[in-house]
Every structure is written in C-alpha cells, then in structure tokens.
Amino acid sequence: MLLCTQTVAVDHEVITTRRSGNHHPNVWGDHFLAYVDLPGANEEEKKHEVLKEVRNMLVMTPSNSLEKLEPINTIQCLGLAYHFESEIDESLSYMYTHYEEYWIGDLHAIALCFRLLRQQGYCVSCGVRSQDLGPCMTPDPRPQPRT
C-alpha cells in the first residue's frame, strides 16, 4: 500500500494571497454607528422628581385614612417599597398603635390595614369584633330571603 504525502521544507515560506475588498460604500454611511445623546440623564432626573413627589404624598396624607393605605399597598405590590422604607414604617407604626380607633364599618380598610401590618411584621389580632364591622356585616352571612 502506497501512501503519498506532500512535505514542505522548513525554510520554505507559504505565501497566501488574499483578495482585496473593493466593496461599494454602504448606502447608510455611519448613520447607525454614530452615537446620539441618549435621554438617560433626563429620565434619571424625572425619576428622582417622581420619587420625591410620591414621598411627599406619603408624608402629607393623614395617617388615619384609607388614602394612605392604598398607596402603600400599591408601592409594595410594584416592588418599590425599598425607596420609601422609612415613610412606610412610620405610617404603619402609627396605624398599629391606633388600629382599634379607625376604620369602624369599613371592611376593605380593616382587611387592607390588617394585611399591611402583618406583612410588615406587626402582631395584629385576626379577631375582629362584629361591632367594629358595623353595617357591612350581618350576624347571619347567608343571603336573606326576599319578602
């Protein structure tokens, strides 16, 4: 069996010829390569303004109102609570100390306050007296027959 191999001497240099790229210029030019001023700086300023506005809203709203619970709930659901930790802690600590005094008859506010306080680590009793619920609950939860 014969095997043919080609050998190249060590002192022999291999010359590779490359074709030159005589390409036509791009019709777009440098249009997509040029950097344009991005509006990132303006967005950063706007973000700080909005954060300041929301912080002022949290501080100025009375602590005993549902208008304070709703934004806290929304902020926490959006995952932005880390921006407003001190304001939320201050509001919820006030609500915890005055929990029994407010929201009599408003089941939505009682439930929202209960969940926010429990979520923040406060020990709030889950037992709500029926006189606290007032007209929003009846002693018999079954539907009343029509007369």
Protein backbone atom coordinates (compact mmCIF):
# COMPACT_ATOMS: atom_id res chain seq x y z
CA MET A 1 0.00 0.00 0.00
CA LEU A 2 1.45 3.27 -1.09
CA LEU A 3 0.83 6.46 0.75
CA CYS A 4 1.60 9.79 -0.84
CA THR A 5 2.26 12.78 1.36
CA GLN A 6 3.46 16.23 0.43
CA THR A 7 6.10 17.75 2.61
CA VAL A 8 7.24 21.33 2.75
CA ALA A 9 10.71 22.27 3.72
CA VAL A 10 11.13 24.30 6.88
CA ASP A 11 12.91 27.13 5.16
CA HIS A 12 10.14 27.40 2.54
CA GLU A 13 7.59 30.15 3.28
CA VAL A 14 3.95 29.64 2.38
CA ILE A 15 2.51 32.70 0.70
CA THR A 16 -1.21 33.17 0.92
CA THR A 17 -2.76 35.60 -1.44
CA ARG A 18 -5.75 37.48 -0.23
CA ARG A 19 -8.15 39.31 -2.39
CA SER A 20 -8.65 42.94 -1.60
CA GLY A 21 -12.12 44.03 -0.61
CA ASN A 22 -13.10 46.61 -3.18
CA HIS A 23 -16.61 46.92 -1.85
CA HIS A 24 -19.03 49.67 -2.66
CA PRO A 25 -19.64 52.16 0.16
CA ASN A 26 -22.60 51.45 2.39
CA VAL A 27 -25.73 53.38 1.47
CA TRP A 28 -26.35 54.08 5.17
CA GLY A 29 -22.92 55.53 5.82
CA ASP A 30 -22.16 55.90 9.52
CA HIS A 31 -25.76 56.63 10.38
CA PHE A 32 -26.20 53.66 12.73
CA LEU A 33 -22.66 53.83 14.10
CA ALA A 34 -22.84 57.41 15.33
CA TYR A 35 -23.77 57.83 18.96
CA VAL A 36 -26.65 60.12 19.72
CA ASP A 37 -27.24 61.84 23.04
CA LEU A 38 -29.49 59.45 24.90
CA PRO A 39 -32.28 60.85 27.07
CA GLY A 40 -30.98 58.84 30.06
CA ALA A 41 -29.97 61.91 32.06
CA ASN A 42 -33.44 63.43 31.72
CA GLU A 43 -35.08 60.16 32.72
CA GLU A 44 -32.90 59.96 35.83
CA GLU A 45 -33.94 63.48 36.86
CA LYS A 46 -37.58 62.68 36.18
CA LYS A 47 -37.29 59.50 38.28
CA HIS A 48 -35.95 61.50 41.22
CA GLU A 49 -38.74 64.06 40.86
CA VAL A 50 -41.42 61.34 40.84
CA LEU A 51 -39.85 59.65 43.88
CA LYS A 52 -39.82 62.97 45.73
CA GLU A 53 -43.45 63.59 44.75
CA VAL A 54 -44.57 60.16 46.00
CA ARG A 55 -42.56 60.61 49.21
CA ASN A 56 -44.29 63.97 49.84
CA MET A 57 -47.67 62.36 49.14
CA LEU A 58 -46.96 59.64 51.71
CA VAL A 59 -45.83 62.15 54.33
CA MET A 60 -48.65 64.67 53.80
CA THR A 61 -51.58 62.22 53.74
CA PRO A 62 -53.22 61.80 57.18
CA SER A 63 -52.13 58.54 58.80
CA ASN A 64 -55.64 57.52 59.78
CA SER A 65 -57.10 57.48 56.27
CA LEU A 66 -57.61 54.86 53.62
CA GLU A 67 -55.88 57.26 51.24
CA LYS A 68 -52.62 56.35 52.98
CA LEU A 69 -53.19 52.57 52.90
CA GLU A 70 -53.90 52.37 49.17
CA PRO A 71 -50.62 53.99 48.01
CA ILE A 72 -48.61 51.90 50.48
CA ASN A 73 -50.27 48.77 49.12
CA THR A 74 -49.62 49.83 45.51
CA ILE A 75 -46.00 50.73 46.22
CA GLN A 76 -45.39 47.38 47.86
CA CYS A 77 -47.12 45.46 45.05
CA LEU A 78 -44.97 47.26 42.46
CA GLY A 79 -41.81 46.35 44.36
CA LEU A 80 -40.82 49.96 45.01
CA ALA A 81 -41.11 49.87 48.80
CA TYR A 82 -37.33 49.98 49.24
CA HIS A 83 -37.40 53.63 48.10
CA PHE A 84 -39.87 54.58 50.85
CA GLU A 85 -38.95 52.28 53.76
CA SER A 86 -38.83 54.96 56.45
CA GLU A 87 -42.10 56.60 55.38
CA ILE A 88 -43.92 53.25 55.20
CA ASP A 89 -42.54 52.13 58.57
CA GLU A 90 -43.55 55.41 60.19
CA SER A 91 -47.09 55.24 58.77
CA LEU A 92 -47.62 51.60 59.69
CA SER A 93 -46.29 52.06 63.22
CA TYR A 94 -48.82 54.87 63.72
CA MET A 95 -51.57 52.66 62.31
CA TYR A 96 -50.51 49.83 64.61
CA THR A 97 -50.78 51.98 67.73
CA HIS A 98 -54.17 53.38 66.65
CA TYR A 99 -55.52 50.25 64.93
CA GLU A 100 -58.62 49.88 67.13
CA GLU A 101 -59.74 53.52 66.76
CA TYR A 102 -60.15 53.78 63.00
CA TRP A 103 -61.98 52.15 60.10
CA ILE A 104 -65.06 51.10 62.02
CA GLY A 105 -67.54 49.81 59.46
CA ASP A 106 -65.12 49.72 56.52
CA LEU A 107 -64.28 46.09 55.85
CA HIS A 108 -61.93 46.90 52.97
CA ALA A 109 -59.85 49.29 55.10
CA ILE A 110 -59.75 46.86 58.03
CA ALA A 111 -58.59 43.99 55.79
CA LEU A 112 -56.01 46.11 53.99
CA CYS A 113 -54.62 47.54 57.22
CA PHE A 114 -54.51 44.05 58.75
CA ARG A 115 -52.62 42.63 55.78
CA LEU A 116 -50.14 45.51 55.57
CA LEU A 117 -49.41 45.37 59.30
CA ARG A 118 -49.00 41.58 59.28
CA GLN A 119 -46.81 41.76 56.19
CA GLN A 120 -44.58 44.32 57.93
CA GLY A 121 -44.20 42.04 60.96
CA TYR A 122 -46.64 43.61 63.42
CA CYS A 123 -48.61 41.26 65.66
CA VAL A 124 -52.23 42.15 64.92
CA SER A 125 -55.10 40.06 66.19
CA CYS A 126 -57.13 38.44 63.45
CA GLY A 127 -60.27 38.53 65.59
CA VAL A 128 -62.46 41.45 64.63
CA ARG A 129 -65.44 42.18 66.79
CA SER A 130 -68.77 42.34 64.98
CA GLN A 131 -69.49 45.83 66.36
CA ASP A 132 -66.31 47.06 64.61
CA LEU A 133 -67.65 45.91 61.27
CA GLY A 134 -70.99 47.59 61.87
CA PRO A 135 -73.36 47.69 58.91
CA CYS A 136 -71.02 45.96 56.45
CA MET A 137 -71.62 42.56 58.08
CA THR A 138 -74.79 40.90 59.31
CA PRO A 139 -74.90 38.29 62.07
CA ASP A 140 -76.13 35.73 59.55
CA PRO A 141 -73.86 35.54 56.46
CA ARG A 142 -76.42 33.59 54.45
CA PRO A 143 -78.43 35.54 51.87
CA GLN A 144 -81.65 36.94 53.29
CA PRO A 145 -84.88 35.81 51.57
CA ARG A 146 -86.80 38.49 49.71
CA THR A 147 -90.17 39.38 51.14
